[in-house]
Protein backbone atom coordinates (compact mmCIF):
# COMPACT_ATOMS: atom_id res chain seq x y z
CA MET A 1 -9.61 -37.88 2.82
CA ARG A 2 -12.25 -35.16 2.34
CA THR A 3 -15.78 -36.43 1.82
CA ASN A 4 -16.72 -33.49 -0.44
CA PHE A 5 -14.74 -31.74 -3.14
CA LEU A 6 -12.92 -28.51 -2.22
CA PRO A 7 -12.97 -26.37 -5.38
CA PHE A 8 -10.01 -24.25 -6.35
CA ALA A 9 -12.06 -21.04 -6.16
CA LEU A 10 -15.59 -19.83 -5.47
CA PRO A 11 -17.07 -16.29 -5.47
CA ASP A 12 -18.26 -14.88 -2.15
CA ILE A 13 -21.88 -13.98 -2.97
CA ASP A 14 -24.67 -13.26 -0.48
CA ASN A 15 -27.86 -11.20 -0.25
CA THR A 16 -26.00 -7.90 -0.61
CA GLU A 17 -25.14 -8.70 -4.24
CA ILE A 18 -28.64 -10.04 -4.87
CA ASP A 19 -30.21 -6.88 -3.46
CA GLN A 20 -28.01 -4.64 -5.61
CA VAL A 21 -28.77 -6.59 -8.77
CA ARG A 22 -32.49 -6.60 -7.98
CA GLU A 23 -32.34 -2.83 -7.46
CA ALA A 24 -30.72 -2.41 -10.89
CA LEU A 25 -33.31 -4.63 -12.57
CA GLU A 26 -36.22 -2.88 -10.90
CA SER A 27 -34.85 0.56 -11.76
CA GLY A 28 -34.98 -0.14 -15.48
CA TRP A 29 -31.28 0.62 -15.89
CA ILE A 30 -29.68 -2.71 -16.80
CA THR A 31 -26.88 -1.45 -19.04
CA THR A 32 -24.43 1.39 -18.31
CA GLY A 33 -26.11 3.89 -16.02
CA PRO A 34 -26.15 5.36 -12.51
CA LYS A 35 -24.90 2.25 -10.70
CA THR A 36 -21.89 2.06 -13.01
CA LYS A 37 -21.11 5.70 -12.28
CA GLN A 38 -21.50 5.07 -8.53
CA PHE A 39 -19.22 2.02 -8.73
CA GLU A 40 -16.57 4.04 -10.53
CA GLU A 41 -16.71 6.79 -7.92
CA GLU A 42 -16.58 4.42 -4.94
CA PHE A 43 -13.78 2.31 -6.41
CA ALA A 44 -11.72 5.41 -7.20
CA ALA A 45 -12.19 6.60 -3.62
CA VAL A 46 -11.08 3.25 -2.16
CA VAL A 47 -7.85 3.08 -4.19
CA GLY A 48 -7.18 6.81 -4.12
CA ALA A 49 -7.29 7.37 -7.87
CA LYS A 50 -8.56 10.54 -9.53
CA HIS A 51 -10.42 8.58 -12.21
CA ALA A 52 -11.92 5.09 -12.51
CA VAL A 53 -13.48 3.83 -15.73
CA ALA A 54 -15.58 0.66 -15.46
CA VAL A 55 -15.38 -1.79 -18.37
CA ASN A 56 -16.37 -5.38 -19.10
CA SER A 57 -12.99 -7.05 -18.47
CA CYS A 58 -9.40 -6.42 -17.50
CA THR A 59 -8.49 -7.32 -21.07
CA ALA A 60 -10.65 -4.41 -22.24
CA ALA A 61 -9.07 -2.17 -19.61
CA MET A 62 -5.53 -2.90 -20.79
CA HIS A 63 -6.54 -2.55 -24.45
CA LEU A 64 -8.11 0.85 -23.81
CA ALA A 65 -5.15 2.04 -21.75
CA LEU A 66 -2.68 1.09 -24.49
CA ASP A 67 -4.92 2.79 -27.04
CA ALA A 68 -4.98 5.92 -24.89
CA ILE A 69 -1.18 6.18 -24.79
CA GLY A 70 -1.14 6.00 -28.59
CA LEU A 71 0.38 2.56 -29.13
CA ASN A 72 0.89 1.88 -32.83
CA ALA A 73 1.90 -0.91 -35.17
CA GLY A 74 5.60 -1.67 -34.87
CA ASP A 75 5.87 -0.34 -31.32
CA GLU A 76 7.09 -2.50 -28.44
CA VAL A 77 5.79 -3.01 -24.90
CA ILE A 78 7.90 -4.72 -22.26
CA THR A 79 6.09 -7.28 -20.12
CA THR A 80 6.52 -10.66 -18.46
CA PRO A 81 6.00 -14.14 -19.93
CA TYR A 82 4.72 -15.32 -16.54
CA THR A 83 1.10 -14.25 -16.92
CA PHE A 84 -2.24 -15.08 -18.50
CA ALA A 85 -2.84 -14.71 -22.25
CA ALA A 86 -4.54 -11.28 -21.99
CA THR A 87 -1.45 -9.37 -20.88
CA ALA A 88 0.42 -9.92 -24.14
CA GLU A 89 -2.47 -10.35 -26.55
CA VAL A 90 -3.71 -6.79 -26.01
CA ILE A 91 -0.34 -5.52 -27.23
CA GLN A 92 -0.76 -7.52 -30.42
CA TYR A 93 -4.19 -5.99 -31.06
CA PHE A 94 -2.19 -2.97 -32.29
CA GLN A 95 0.24 -5.08 -34.35
CA ALA A 96 2.78 -4.07 -31.75
CA THR A 97 5.28 -6.49 -30.18
CA PRO A 98 5.28 -7.82 -26.61
CA VAL A 99 8.89 -7.96 -25.45
CA PHE A 100 9.28 -10.46 -22.63
CA VAL A 101 11.57 -10.02 -19.65
CA ASP A 102 12.23 -12.85 -17.21
CA ILE A 103 10.90 -12.93 -13.64
CA ARG A 104 12.56 -12.88 -10.23
CA GLN A 105 12.83 -16.33 -8.72
CA ALA A 106 11.70 -15.08 -5.33
CA ASP A 107 8.26 -13.74 -6.19
CA PHE A 108 7.32 -14.53 -9.85
CA ASN A 109 7.21 -10.81 -10.68
CA ILE A 110 9.00 -9.13 -13.60
CA ASP A 111 12.69 -8.55 -12.87
CA PRO A 112 13.38 -4.77 -13.01
CA ASP A 113 17.11 -5.45 -13.42
CA LEU A 114 16.37 -6.92 -16.86
CA ILE A 115 13.96 -4.28 -18.12
CA GLU A 116 16.46 -1.61 -19.12
CA GLN A 117 18.43 -3.88 -21.44
CA ALA A 118 15.19 -4.77 -23.28
CA ILE A 119 14.41 -1.13 -24.14
CA THR A 120 14.82 -0.08 -27.78
CA SER A 121 13.90 2.97 -29.84
CA ARG A 122 10.50 1.33 -30.44
CA THR A 123 9.62 0.79 -26.77
CA ARG A 124 6.54 2.75 -25.71
CA ALA A 125 5.48 1.25 -22.38
CA ILE A 126 6.15 -1.23 -19.58
CA LEU A 127 3.31 -3.56 -18.60
CA PRO A 128 4.11 -5.23 -15.25
CA VAL A 129 1.86 -7.88 -13.66
CA HIS A 130 1.20 -8.03 -9.90
CA ILE A 131 1.28 -11.79 -9.79
CA ALA A 132 -1.03 -13.58 -7.31
CA GLY A 133 -1.73 -10.26 -5.56
CA LEU A 134 1.91 -9.48 -4.70
CA SER A 135 3.01 -6.16 -6.15
CA ALA A 136 5.80 -5.89 -8.67
CA ASP A 137 8.70 -3.58 -7.73
CA LEU A 138 6.96 -0.37 -8.79
CA ASP A 139 9.60 2.11 -7.60
CA ALA A 140 12.22 0.49 -9.81
CA ILE A 141 9.82 0.12 -12.76
CA TYR A 142 8.58 3.72 -12.64
CA ALA A 143 12.12 5.03 -12.29
CA ILE A 144 13.08 3.26 -15.53
CA ALA A 145 9.91 4.47 -17.24
CA LYS A 146 10.62 8.08 -16.27
CA ARG A 147 14.23 7.82 -17.43
CA TYR A 148 13.18 6.61 -20.89
CA ASP A 149 9.89 8.53 -21.14
CA LEU A 150 7.76 5.38 -21.20
CA ALA A 151 4.18 4.85 -20.05
CA VAL A 152 3.37 2.24 -17.40
CA ILE A 153 0.19 0.15 -17.64
CA GLU A 154 -0.14 -2.08 -14.56
CA ASP A 155 -1.90 -5.43 -14.93
CA ALA A 156 -3.57 -5.50 -11.52
CA ALA A 157 -5.96 -8.36 -12.30
CA HIS A 158 -4.85 -10.12 -9.09
CA ALA A 159 -4.10 -7.08 -7.00
CA PHE A 160 -7.15 -5.78 -5.11
CA PRO A 161 -6.48 -4.76 -2.31
CA ALA A 162 -2.70 -5.17 -2.49
CA LYS A 163 -0.34 -2.44 -1.27
CA TYR A 164 3.16 -1.41 -2.30
CA ASN A 165 5.12 0.83 0.08
CA ASN A 166 1.93 1.60 2.01
CA ARG A 167 0.14 2.73 -1.16
CA ILE A 168 -2.80 0.68 -2.38
CA ILE A 169 -2.46 -0.59 -5.94
CA GLY A 170 -4.55 1.67 -8.15
CA ASN A 171 -3.23 4.87 -6.61
CA ALA A 172 -0.92 5.69 -9.53
CA LYS A 173 0.38 9.05 -8.31
CA ARG A 174 3.53 8.98 -10.41
CA ASP A 175 5.38 11.42 -12.65
CA THR A 176 5.03 9.21 -15.71
CA ARG A 177 1.87 8.53 -17.71
CA SER A 178 0.20 5.49 -16.21
CA ALA A 179 -2.94 3.45 -15.67
CA VAL A 180 -3.80 0.51 -13.40
CA CYS A 181 -6.12 -2.19 -14.77
CA PHE A 182 -8.19 -4.45 -12.50
CA SER A 183 -10.17 -7.63 -13.16
CA PHE A 184 -13.52 -8.54 -11.61
CA TYR A 185 -13.73 -11.98 -13.20
CA ALA A 186 -15.63 -14.69 -11.28
CA THR A 187 -12.57 -16.07 -9.45
CA LYS A 188 -10.91 -12.75 -8.60
CA THR A 189 -10.66 -11.13 -5.16
CA MET A 190 -13.83 -9.20 -5.95
CA THR A 191 -16.19 -9.99 -8.80
CA THR A 192 -18.86 -8.58 -11.05
CA GLY A 193 -19.13 -11.87 -12.94
CA GLU A 194 -17.20 -10.33 -15.81
CA GLY A 195 -15.74 -6.86 -15.50
CA GLY A 196 -12.75 -4.59 -15.09
CA MET A 197 -11.65 -1.10 -14.08
CA ILE A 198 -9.09 1.42 -15.34
CA CYS A 199 -7.68 3.70 -12.64
CA THR A 200 -5.54 6.72 -13.45
CA ASN A 201 -4.74 10.26 -12.36
CA ASP A 202 -4.26 11.36 -15.97
CA ASP A 203 -7.28 13.40 -17.09
CA GLN A 204 -6.63 12.95 -20.81
CA LEU A 205 -6.01 9.21 -20.52
CA ALA A 206 -9.19 8.72 -18.50
CA GLU A 207 -11.29 10.69 -20.97
CA GLN A 208 -9.86 8.77 -23.92
CA CYS A 209 -10.59 5.42 -22.23
CA ARG A 210 -14.09 6.49 -21.29
CA PHE A 211 -15.34 7.49 -24.71
CA MET A 212 -13.48 4.70 -26.54
CA SER A 213 -15.14 2.14 -24.24
CA LEU A 214 -18.51 2.86 -25.87
CA HIS A 215 -18.03 3.10 -29.63
CA GLY A 216 -16.11 6.37 -29.51
CA ILE A 217 -19.35 8.24 -28.80
CA SER A 218 -19.14 11.68 -27.21
CA LYS A 219 -19.20 12.10 -23.43
CA ASP A 220 -22.10 10.84 -21.30
CA ALA A 221 -23.77 8.99 -24.15
CA TRP A 222 -25.90 7.03 -21.67
CA LYS A 223 -27.63 10.26 -20.65
CA ARG A 224 -29.46 10.15 -24.01
CA TYR A 225 -32.04 7.99 -22.26
CA THR A 226 -32.60 10.29 -19.28
CA ALA A 227 -34.77 13.39 -18.89
CA GLU A 228 -31.68 15.60 -19.07
CA GLY A 229 -30.33 13.91 -22.20
CA SER A 230 -30.63 14.54 -25.93
CA TRP A 231 -31.06 12.34 -28.96
CA TYR A 232 -27.95 13.91 -30.47
CA TYR A 233 -24.52 12.30 -30.19
CA GLU A 234 -21.22 12.40 -32.06
CA ILE A 235 -18.81 9.60 -32.93
CA LEU A 236 -15.34 10.96 -32.24
CA ALA A 237 -13.37 7.79 -33.10
CA PRO A 238 -13.97 4.14 -34.08
CA GLY A 239 -14.24 2.81 -30.54
CA TYR A 240 -15.08 -0.47 -28.84
CA LYS A 241 -17.99 -2.12 -27.00
CA TYR A 242 -16.33 -2.40 -23.59
CA ASN A 243 -18.82 -0.73 -21.24
CA MET A 244 -19.91 -2.27 -17.92
CA THR A 245 -23.60 -2.86 -17.19
CA ASP A 246 -25.46 -1.60 -14.12
CA ILE A 247 -26.25 -5.23 -13.25
CA ALA A 248 -22.53 -5.98 -13.01
CA ALA A 249 -21.84 -2.66 -11.26
CA GLY A 250 -24.44 -3.53 -8.63
CA MET A 251 -22.51 -6.70 -7.83
CA GLY A 252 -19.33 -4.63 -7.77
CA LEU A 253 -20.72 -2.19 -5.22
CA ALA A 254 -21.63 -5.04 -2.88
CA GLN A 255 -18.26 -6.74 -3.36
CA LEU A 256 -16.33 -3.50 -2.84
CA ALA A 257 -18.10 -2.89 0.47
CA LYS A 258 -16.83 -6.19 1.85
CA GLY A 259 -13.47 -6.17 0.06
CA ASN A 260 -11.41 -5.83 3.22
CA SER A 261 -13.31 -8.51 5.10
CA MET A 262 -12.88 -10.94 2.19
CA TRP A 263 -9.17 -10.09 2.11
CA GLY A 264 -8.91 -10.76 5.86
CA LYS A 265 -10.30 -14.25 5.40
CA ARG A 266 -7.88 -15.03 2.58
CA ARG A 267 -5.04 -13.67 4.70
CA GLU A 268 -6.05 -16.02 7.51
CA ILE A 269 -6.11 -19.01 5.16
CA ALA A 270 -2.70 -18.06 3.75
CA GLY A 271 -1.39 -17.84 7.30
CA LYS A 272 -2.60 -21.33 8.11
CA TYR A 273 -0.97 -22.65 4.95
CA ASN A 274 2.28 -20.86 5.75
CA ARG A 275 2.48 -22.12 9.32
CA PHE A 276 1.75 -25.68 8.29
CA PHE A 277 4.03 -25.87 5.25
CA ALA A 278 6.94 -24.29 7.13
CA GLU A 279 7.56 -27.74 8.63
CA PHE A 280 8.10 -29.39 5.24
CA PRO A 281 11.33 -28.95 3.21
CA GLU A 282 9.52 -30.54 0.25
CA VAL A 283 7.66 -27.27 -0.43
CA GLN A 284 8.39 -23.54 -0.60
CA THR A 285 5.82 -21.04 0.63
CA PRO A 286 5.05 -17.73 -1.16
CA PHE A 287 7.52 -14.90 -0.84
CA ASP A 288 7.10 -12.02 1.63
CA PRO A 289 9.06 -9.01 0.32
CA GLU A 290 9.05 -7.17 3.65
CA HIS A 291 10.00 -9.90 6.13
CA LYS A 292 11.50 -12.60 3.89
CA LYS A 293 9.33 -15.18 5.65
CA PRO A 294 5.64 -16.17 5.67
CA TYR A 295 3.41 -13.16 6.16
CA TYR A 296 1.35 -14.52 8.97
CA ASP A 297 2.65 -15.90 12.25
CA ASP A 298 1.51 -16.18 15.86
CA GLU A 299 3.56 -13.21 17.07
CA ARG A 300 1.87 -10.82 14.65
CA GLU A 301 -1.64 -12.22 14.77
CA GLY A 302 -4.17 -9.42 15.07
CA GLN A 303 -1.59 -6.74 14.30
CA ASN A 304 -1.24 -4.53 11.25
CA SER A 305 1.82 -6.26 9.84
CA TYR A 306 1.47 -4.83 6.34
CA ASP A 307 2.27 -1.16 6.83
CA HIS A 308 4.46 -1.19 3.71
CA HIS A 309 3.43 -4.21 1.61
CA GLN A 310 0.14 -6.04 1.53
CA HIS A 311 -0.44 -9.26 -0.38
CA ALA A 312 -3.95 -9.51 -1.83
CA TRP A 313 -3.77 -13.33 -1.65
CA HIS A 314 -5.68 -13.86 -4.86
CA LEU A 315 -3.58 -17.00 -5.36
CA TYR A 316 -1.63 -19.15 -2.96
CA MET A 317 1.33 -20.18 -5.13
CA LEU A 318 3.11 -23.07 -3.48
CA ARG A 319 6.29 -24.42 -5.04
CA LEU A 320 7.43 -28.02 -4.90
CA ASN A 321 11.06 -28.76 -4.16
CA THR A 322 10.95 -31.57 -6.67
CA ALA A 323 14.36 -33.01 -5.75
CA LYS A 324 12.97 -33.84 -2.30
CA LEU A 325 9.76 -35.45 -3.60
CA SER A 326 9.18 -38.95 -4.90
CA ILE A 327 6.51 -37.77 -7.40
CA ASP A 328 6.33 -35.07 -10.05
CA ARG A 329 4.06 -32.01 -10.16
CA ALA A 330 1.38 -33.64 -12.32
CA SER A 331 1.17 -36.64 -9.97
CA PHE A 332 1.03 -34.29 -6.98
CA ILE A 333 -2.02 -32.52 -8.44
CA GLU A 334 -3.66 -35.85 -9.27
CA GLU A 335 -3.14 -37.01 -5.67
CA LEU A 336 -4.80 -33.80 -4.43
CA LYS A 337 -7.72 -34.44 -6.77
CA ARG A 338 -8.00 -38.02 -5.52
CA ARG A 339 -8.31 -36.55 -2.02
CA ASN A 340 -11.08 -34.16 -3.18
CA ILE A 341 -8.89 -31.05 -3.27
CA GLY A 342 -8.91 -28.77 -6.31
CA ALA A 343 -5.69 -27.16 -7.52
CA SER A 344 -4.39 -25.30 -10.54
CA VAL A 345 -1.15 -24.07 -12.10
CA HIS A 346 -0.36 -20.35 -12.61
CA PHE A 347 0.82 -19.88 -15.28
CA ILE A 348 2.14 -21.72 -18.30
CA PRO A 349 4.64 -19.04 -19.42
CA LEU A 350 3.58 -17.41 -22.66
CA HIS A 351 6.80 -18.22 -24.50
CA LEU A 352 6.00 -21.94 -24.13
CA HIS A 353 2.72 -21.63 -26.04
CA PRO A 354 2.62 -22.51 -29.76
CA PHE A 355 1.66 -19.02 -30.94
CA TYR A 356 4.67 -17.35 -29.31
CA LYS A 357 7.06 -20.12 -30.25
CA GLU A 358 5.97 -20.01 -33.88
CA THR A 359 5.67 -16.22 -34.17
CA TYR A 360 8.81 -15.16 -32.30
CA GLY A 361 10.89 -18.33 -32.30
CA TYR A 362 11.07 -18.57 -28.52
CA GLN A 363 12.75 -21.53 -26.83
CA PRO A 364 12.00 -22.66 -23.24
CA ASP A 365 15.39 -21.53 -21.93
CA ASP A 366 14.99 -18.00 -23.34
CA PHE A 367 13.39 -17.14 -19.97
CA PRO A 368 14.92 -19.76 -17.69
CA VAL A 369 13.55 -18.54 -14.37
CA ALA A 370 9.97 -18.42 -15.62
CA CYS A 371 10.32 -21.87 -17.17
CA HIS A 372 11.93 -23.46 -14.10
CA GLU A 373 9.50 -22.00 -11.56
CA TYR A 374 6.47 -22.90 -13.67
CA LEU A 375 7.51 -26.55 -13.63
CA ARG A 376 7.26 -26.68 -9.82
CA GLU A 377 4.33 -24.32 -9.07
CA ILE A 378 0.89 -25.34 -7.88
CA SER A 379 -1.90 -23.01 -6.74
CA LEU A 380 -3.94 -24.24 -3.78
CA PRO A 381 -7.53 -23.26 -2.97
CA ILE A 382 -7.86 -19.86 -1.31
CA PHE A 383 -11.14 -17.95 -1.26
CA SER A 384 -13.05 -16.12 1.44
CA LYS A 385 -15.93 -18.63 1.66
CA MET A 386 -13.50 -21.54 2.12
C-alpha cells in the first residue's frame, strides 16, 4: 500500500520553463510574438517539417488543417471511433460527416484494411490517430490516400516524439496533401499548458492555417506592434482566434529542449511495467509493432532498439484478460485507487456516446473491436517525473 497518492499524470516543470515564461513577461510580449516564432522554428527543425504553425490546442490545429484542405458541408472524413472527442468534432464544425472505421486489436490504431471500403464520392480526407504515442500504419494510409486523391490530417496529440519507419512523426514528406497536428495539453508528452502545432511541408496549407489562426488577418499581423510594423492590415477571410501566446511558447521551448530526456524516462517506466507484467497471464502489455513483444528488455537495455519504430509512451495502455480475473475493470480501477494509485481509461469509443448514437444511429457492435478492447483497457500512470 502506497502512503501517498500516485497521480495518473503530472507535467515535468522546472526552472527552465519558469525562466522562459519570466523572459516573455519581462519582454512585454505576452501574446503571439518572437517566442512563438522561435518555438515554431525549433519544433519544425526537430520533427523535420518545412512549416510549423503554433496554435492554442490540437483541436484548433485539426480544425485549421481541415479548413485549409477546403472541407465543406456534406463532405466525409474517415477516422477512428477510438479517440477523444476532438478528433471527430472538428469534422462536424464544417457540417461534414465523420465516418468511423474500426481499429486493429493489436495496437488500438485505425485498421487500414477497412479504410478503402469506407471511401465514397464524398470522402475528402483520412484522419488517423497515433494512439498512446504508437504510430498508425502510415505507409498503408498514405497509399490509400494517394490512390483516391485524399488529404491526410494526422492526429498526433499523443505522438511526440514517436517514429514510424525511422521517420519522426511530424515529418510529413509525402506525395499527398497532409498535415500533422500535435497537442501540448497539460498531460501530454510536452506541454505549454494549453497549445498545439500544425506541421506540414505544403506551403499553401501552412499559409492558410497561419492567417486563419488569427482572424483571417493578413500575414505577420503581430508585427503591427513592432518598430518595423504598420497600423494597416487586411482581413482576407473570416478566421478564428487560435493563436498561441509567447507565454505558452516560452514553456514550449523549455519542454522541447528536454523532450528526448523526458521520453527516455517514460521509456524506462514502460520497460519496468513490461518486464513485470510479462509474468501475469491476467494482463496484456502494449503492442510493439517491430518485435511483437514488450519494447524494453534486459538484452537491449542501453541500445538504440527503435531504429524503425519509436513509441512516445504518452499512455501505458494495459489490457485486462477479464476471463482470467475474479473482478471486472471498474473494480480493478477502484482497487488501484484504494491503494493510492491513479488510473484512467482511454477511450470510451465515440460511437458509444449519446450524440453519435442519436445522430448516426450507431450500435455498440458496429465497431466490435473498439468496443471489446475498450471494455478491458486501463491506462496506468506514466510521466517523466514519476
